[in-house]
Amino acid sequence: MNEHIKDRLRQHTGKLLIGATGTLLALSVLTLGSSLVGDSPAASDTRPDALVQRLKSDLDKAQAELRTQHAALLNQLPGVDVERVDRDTATGRSLLLSLTDSSASTRTVKEQQALLDARYGCLDHESRVLTEFVPEWMTATGAVQGSGTTYTLAGLDIDVSRVQGLDYSFTGVARLDPVRVGADRNSTAKSEFVVFTYATSQDGTVTLLDAYRASSRTRDALAAADKDRPAEPGSTAASSPKPTG
C-alpha cells in the first residue's frame, strides 16, 4: 500500500518536475531571444555561448533542487507496517467470529450483549454493534428461539482503509455460509454477508468497531457476484471453513 502511494506521488511530482523545467526553459529562451534582439550583430556573435552555458547551469540547478524536494516529500510519507497489518487482520477475523458465533448460541440477546461488552473495551451500551447488529443478527439467524443456524466462514476480505499516525483503520466484508446440522435446522437458510470496520492502536488494542448485516437485496447481489467471480490465487476465502459457533 505504501509503495502504491509513493508511486502515485512520484508520478505527480514527476509532472511537476517536467512542468517546472519546461517553464524555466521557456523563460530562458525568452531571455536569450531578448538579449540577442537587443544587442548589435557583433555582440550577438560573442554572447550566445555564454548565455547557453549560464542557462544550462540554471536548469541543472533547478532540476537538482526539485529532485531534493521530491525525495524529502517521499521521506515524509508514513510507513505502513506490514507485520502489524497481518496481526491486525487476524484480530479483525477474531472480531467477526465473536460477533457472528451468536447464531448458534443458546444465550439470549442480553447475555450476548453483556459478553461482548465485557470482552471488548471499545464497546459500550451505546455501541451500534450491541444495540443494532447483535439483536438483528440473532433474530435473522434464529438464535432468539434458541440455537439457530450454524455458519462457516466461507470468504473474508479485510483491507487497510486509513493510516493516521499510529492508528490503523480497516474495512472487512465476510461471507458466511449456512450449515445444516440435524433435521431441525432451517434448510432454506441463505448465505449471509457482514460488513464491518474497526481501528487499532499501535499495541493492537481495538479502539473502534462497527458492523452491519447486509440486506436481503445486497446479500443476493453479493452472492451472485461471488458465484460468477473465478477463484483468485491467494484469496482469503477459507479453504477449510470452520464453524463459527
Protein backbone atom coordinates (compact mmCIF):
# COMPACT_ATOMS: atom_id res chain seq x y z
CA MET A 1 0.00 0.00 0.00
CA ASN A 2 2.83 2.40 0.92
CA GLU A 3 4.60 1.67 -2.38
CA HIS A 4 1.37 2.38 -4.26
CA ILE A 5 1.09 5.76 -2.54
CA LYS A 6 4.71 6.50 -3.30
CA ASP A 7 4.28 5.54 -6.95
CA ARG A 8 1.35 7.93 -7.30
CA LEU A 9 3.32 10.65 -5.57
CA ARG A 10 6.32 10.04 -7.82
CA GLN A 11 4.09 10.40 -10.86
CA HIS A 12 2.60 13.62 -9.54
CA THR A 13 5.89 15.20 -8.57
CA GLY A 14 7.43 13.97 -11.80
CA LYS A 15 4.83 16.01 -13.67
CA LEU A 16 5.69 19.00 -11.50
CA LEU A 17 9.36 18.49 -12.29
CA ILE A 18 8.72 18.38 -16.02
CA GLY A 19 6.38 21.36 -15.85
CA ALA A 20 8.79 23.44 -13.81
CA THR A 21 11.70 22.51 -16.06
CA GLY A 22 9.68 23.42 -19.15
CA THR A 23 8.70 26.76 -17.68
CA LEU A 24 12.28 27.55 -16.76
CA LEU A 25 13.47 26.57 -20.21
CA ALA A 26 10.81 28.75 -21.87
CA LEU A 27 11.74 31.74 -19.76
CA SER A 28 15.39 31.13 -20.51
CA VAL A 29 14.79 31.02 -24.26
CA LEU A 30 12.77 34.23 -23.99
CA THR A 31 15.61 35.87 -22.11
CA LEU A 32 18.09 34.66 -24.66
CA GLY A 33 15.96 35.94 -27.54
CA SER A 34 15.51 39.32 -25.93
CA SER A 35 19.20 39.62 -25.35
CA LEU A 36 20.05 38.74 -28.93
CA VAL A 37 17.48 41.11 -30.39
CA GLY A 38 18.59 43.98 -28.24
CA ASP A 39 22.30 43.63 -28.95
CA SER A 40 24.33 44.51 -32.04
CA PRO A 41 25.28 41.76 -34.53
CA ALA A 42 28.84 41.74 -33.24
CA ALA A 43 27.75 41.27 -29.64
CA SER A 44 25.28 38.59 -30.72
CA ASP A 45 28.11 36.50 -32.09
CA THR A 46 30.07 36.53 -28.81
CA ARG A 47 27.32 36.17 -26.20
CA PRO A 48 25.20 33.13 -27.19
CA ASP A 49 27.67 30.51 -25.96
CA ALA A 50 27.99 32.21 -22.58
CA LEU A 51 24.21 32.57 -22.27
CA VAL A 52 23.60 28.94 -23.17
CA GLN A 53 26.11 27.78 -20.58
CA ARG A 54 24.55 30.00 -17.93
CA LEU A 55 21.03 28.82 -18.76
CA LYS A 56 22.13 25.19 -18.73
CA SER A 57 23.69 25.71 -15.32
CA ASP A 58 20.50 27.33 -14.02
CA LEU A 59 18.41 24.48 -15.44
CA ASP A 60 20.61 21.81 -13.84
CA LYS A 61 20.43 23.63 -10.52
CA ALA A 62 16.63 23.88 -10.66
CA GLN A 63 16.27 20.19 -11.52
CA ALA A 64 18.56 19.23 -8.64
CA GLU A 65 16.52 21.34 -6.21
CA LEU A 66 13.27 19.76 -7.39
CA ARG A 67 14.71 16.26 -7.00
CA THR A 68 15.79 17.10 -3.46
CA GLN A 69 12.31 18.40 -2.61
CA HIS A 70 10.78 15.28 -4.18
CA ALA A 71 12.95 12.96 -2.07
CA ALA A 72 12.16 14.92 1.10
CA LEU A 73 8.43 14.67 0.39
CA LEU A 74 8.63 10.91 -0.12
CA ASN A 75 10.53 10.52 3.15
CA GLN A 76 7.69 12.26 4.98
CA LEU A 77 5.18 9.56 3.95
CA PRO A 78 4.10 7.40 6.88
CA GLY A 79 5.43 3.87 6.67
CA VAL A 80 2.90 1.04 6.70
CA ASP A 81 3.98 -1.79 9.00
CA VAL A 82 3.22 -4.97 7.05
CA GLU A 83 3.65 -7.20 10.11
CA ARG A 84 1.23 -5.05 12.04
CA VAL A 85 -1.31 -5.20 9.21
CA ASP A 86 -1.09 -9.01 9.28
CA ARG A 87 -1.56 -9.01 13.04
CA ASP A 88 -4.50 -6.61 12.95
CA THR A 89 -6.11 -8.54 10.09
CA ALA A 90 -6.08 -11.64 12.29
CA THR A 91 -7.63 -9.53 15.04
CA GLY A 92 -10.39 -8.49 12.63
CA ARG A 93 -11.14 -12.12 11.80
CA SER A 94 -11.48 -12.90 15.52
CA LEU A 95 -13.77 -9.89 15.95
CA LEU A 96 -16.01 -11.11 13.15
CA LEU A 97 -16.25 -14.63 14.56
CA SER A 98 -17.03 -13.26 18.02
CA LEU A 99 -19.89 -11.22 16.58
CA THR A 100 -21.39 -13.94 14.42
CA ASP A 101 -21.00 -17.05 16.57
CA SER A 102 -24.12 -15.97 18.43
CA SER A 103 -26.17 -17.50 15.59
CA ALA A 104 -25.56 -20.95 17.07
CA SER A 105 -25.56 -19.82 20.69
CA THR A 106 -28.14 -20.62 23.34
CA ARG A 107 -27.52 -17.27 25.02
CA THR A 108 -30.14 -14.57 24.99
CA VAL A 109 -29.58 -11.27 23.24
CA LYS A 110 -28.96 -9.57 26.58
CA GLU A 111 -26.42 -12.22 27.60
CA GLN A 112 -24.63 -11.90 24.26
CA GLN A 113 -24.50 -8.13 24.59
CA ALA A 114 -23.02 -8.42 28.07
CA LEU A 115 -20.45 -10.96 26.89
CA LEU A 116 -19.20 -8.74 24.06
CA ASP A 117 -19.30 -5.64 26.26
CA ALA A 118 -17.02 -7.34 28.76
CA ARG A 119 -14.68 -8.72 26.10
CA TYR A 120 -14.05 -5.52 24.11
CA GLY A 121 -13.28 -2.22 25.79
CA CYS A 122 -14.28 -0.22 22.71
CA LEU A 123 -17.91 -1.31 23.09
CA ASP A 124 -20.40 0.20 25.49
CA HIS A 125 -24.17 0.41 25.95
CA GLU A 126 -24.39 2.99 23.15
CA SER A 127 -22.44 0.95 20.61
CA ARG A 128 -24.39 0.11 17.46
CA VAL A 129 -22.72 -3.30 17.43
CA LEU A 130 -24.51 -4.12 20.68
CA THR A 131 -27.74 -2.21 20.21
CA GLU A 132 -28.33 -2.95 16.50
CA PHE A 133 -26.13 -5.63 14.99
CA VAL A 134 -26.34 -8.29 17.70
CA PRO A 135 -30.16 -8.22 18.10
CA GLU A 136 -30.74 -8.16 14.33
CA TRP A 137 -28.21 -10.93 13.66
CA MET A 138 -29.60 -13.21 16.35
CA THR A 139 -33.16 -12.61 15.14
CA ALA A 140 -32.34 -13.18 11.46
CA THR A 141 -30.39 -16.37 12.14
CA GLY A 142 -32.90 -17.87 14.54
CA ALA A 143 -30.80 -17.61 17.68
CA VAL A 144 -33.52 -15.80 19.64
CA GLN A 145 -35.54 -19.01 19.61
CA GLY A 146 -32.56 -20.98 20.87
CA SER A 147 -29.55 -22.21 18.94
CA GLY A 148 -30.08 -21.08 15.36
CA THR A 149 -28.35 -21.77 12.05
CA THR A 150 -24.68 -22.67 12.21
CA TYR A 151 -22.45 -20.83 9.73
CA THR A 152 -18.97 -21.35 8.35
CA LEU A 153 -16.70 -18.54 7.28
CA ALA A 154 -16.59 -19.01 3.50
CA GLY A 155 -14.84 -15.80 2.50
CA LEU A 156 -13.21 -12.83 4.16
CA ASP A 157 -11.63 -9.69 2.70
CA ILE A 158 -10.01 -7.16 5.04
CA ASP A 159 -8.19 -4.07 3.76
CA VAL A 160 -6.47 -1.10 5.38
CA SER A 161 -8.75 1.87 4.83
CA ARG A 162 -6.75 4.55 6.61
CA VAL A 163 -3.46 5.17 8.37
CA GLN A 164 -3.40 8.17 10.68
CA GLY A 165 -0.30 8.42 12.80
CA LEU A 166 -0.09 5.24 14.85
CA ASP A 167 -3.76 4.35 14.35
CA TYR A 168 -4.80 1.94 11.59
CA SER A 169 -8.36 1.58 10.29
CA PHE A 170 -9.69 -1.47 8.45
CA THR A 171 -12.77 -2.43 6.45
CA GLY A 172 -13.88 -6.04 6.05
CA VAL A 173 -16.52 -7.97 4.14
CA ALA A 174 -17.29 -11.54 5.16
CA ARG A 175 -19.41 -14.25 3.62
CA LEU A 176 -20.86 -16.88 5.95
CA ASP A 177 -22.47 -19.99 4.50
CA PRO A 178 -25.15 -21.93 6.42
CA VAL A 179 -24.52 -25.48 7.58
CA ARG A 180 -27.37 -27.91 8.21
CA VAL A 181 -26.89 -29.84 11.43
CA GLY A 182 -29.83 -32.13 12.11
CA ALA A 183 -33.38 -32.09 10.84
CA ASP A 184 -34.37 -29.10 12.96
CA ARG A 185 -32.05 -26.76 11.05
CA ASN A 186 -33.53 -24.27 8.62
CA SER A 187 -32.95 -25.80 5.18
CA THR A 188 -33.90 -22.52 3.48
CA ALA A 189 -31.14 -20.51 5.16
CA LYS A 190 -29.01 -18.50 2.74
CA SER A 191 -25.50 -17.15 2.87
CA GLU A 192 -25.08 -14.05 5.00
CA PHE A 193 -22.74 -11.12 4.40
CA VAL A 194 -21.38 -8.94 7.17
CA VAL A 195 -19.61 -5.63 6.59
CA PHE A 196 -17.51 -4.36 9.47
CA THR A 197 -14.99 -1.65 10.23
CA TYR A 198 -12.54 -1.39 13.08
CA ALA A 199 -9.49 0.56 14.20
CA THR A 200 -6.44 -0.45 16.20
CA SER A 201 -3.78 1.33 18.21
CA GLN A 202 -0.07 0.57 17.99
CA ASP A 203 -0.25 -2.17 20.64
CA GLY A 204 -3.07 -3.95 18.79
CA THR A 205 -5.90 -2.77 21.01
CA VAL A 206 -9.20 -2.39 19.14
CA THR A 207 -10.33 1.21 19.60
CA LEU A 208 -13.37 1.23 17.30
CA LEU A 209 -15.75 -1.42 15.97
CA ASP A 210 -18.86 -1.22 13.83
CA ALA A 211 -20.73 -3.89 11.86
CA TYR A 212 -23.92 -4.49 9.99
CA ARG A 213 -25.62 -7.37 8.24
CA ALA A 214 -26.20 -6.88 4.52
CA SER A 215 -29.84 -6.52 3.49
CA SER A 216 -31.56 -9.31 1.57
CA ARG A 217 -31.16 -7.47 -1.74
CA THR A 218 -27.48 -6.72 -1.12
CA ARG A 219 -26.91 -10.28 0.08
CA ASP A 220 -28.40 -11.77 -3.10
CA ALA A 221 -26.36 -9.40 -5.28
CA LEU A 222 -23.13 -10.24 -3.47
CA ALA A 223 -23.89 -13.96 -3.62
CA ALA A 224 -24.48 -13.73 -7.37
CA ALA A 225 -21.25 -11.79 -7.83
CA ASP A 226 -19.31 -14.37 -5.81
CA LYS A 227 -20.79 -17.17 -7.89
CA ASP A 228 -19.73 -15.55 -11.16
CA ARG A 229 -16.28 -14.50 -9.97
CA PRO A 230 -13.46 -17.01 -10.63
CA ALA A 231 -11.34 -18.04 -7.67
CA GLU A 232 -8.22 -15.93 -7.33
CA PRO A 233 -4.83 -17.24 -6.18
CA GLY A 234 -4.09 -16.25 -2.62
CA SER A 235 -7.71 -15.50 -1.83
CA THR A 236 -8.58 -15.08 1.85
CA ALA A 237 -11.59 -17.34 1.44
CA ALA A 238 -11.36 -20.23 3.85
CA SER A 239 -10.19 -23.37 2.10
CA SER A 240 -11.32 -25.49 5.03
CA PRO A 241 -14.02 -23.42 6.74
CA LYS A 242 -14.52 -23.82 10.45
CA PRO A 243 -17.88 -23.40 12.18
CA THR A 244 -18.33 -20.02 13.79
CA GLY A 245 -20.39 -21.43 16.60
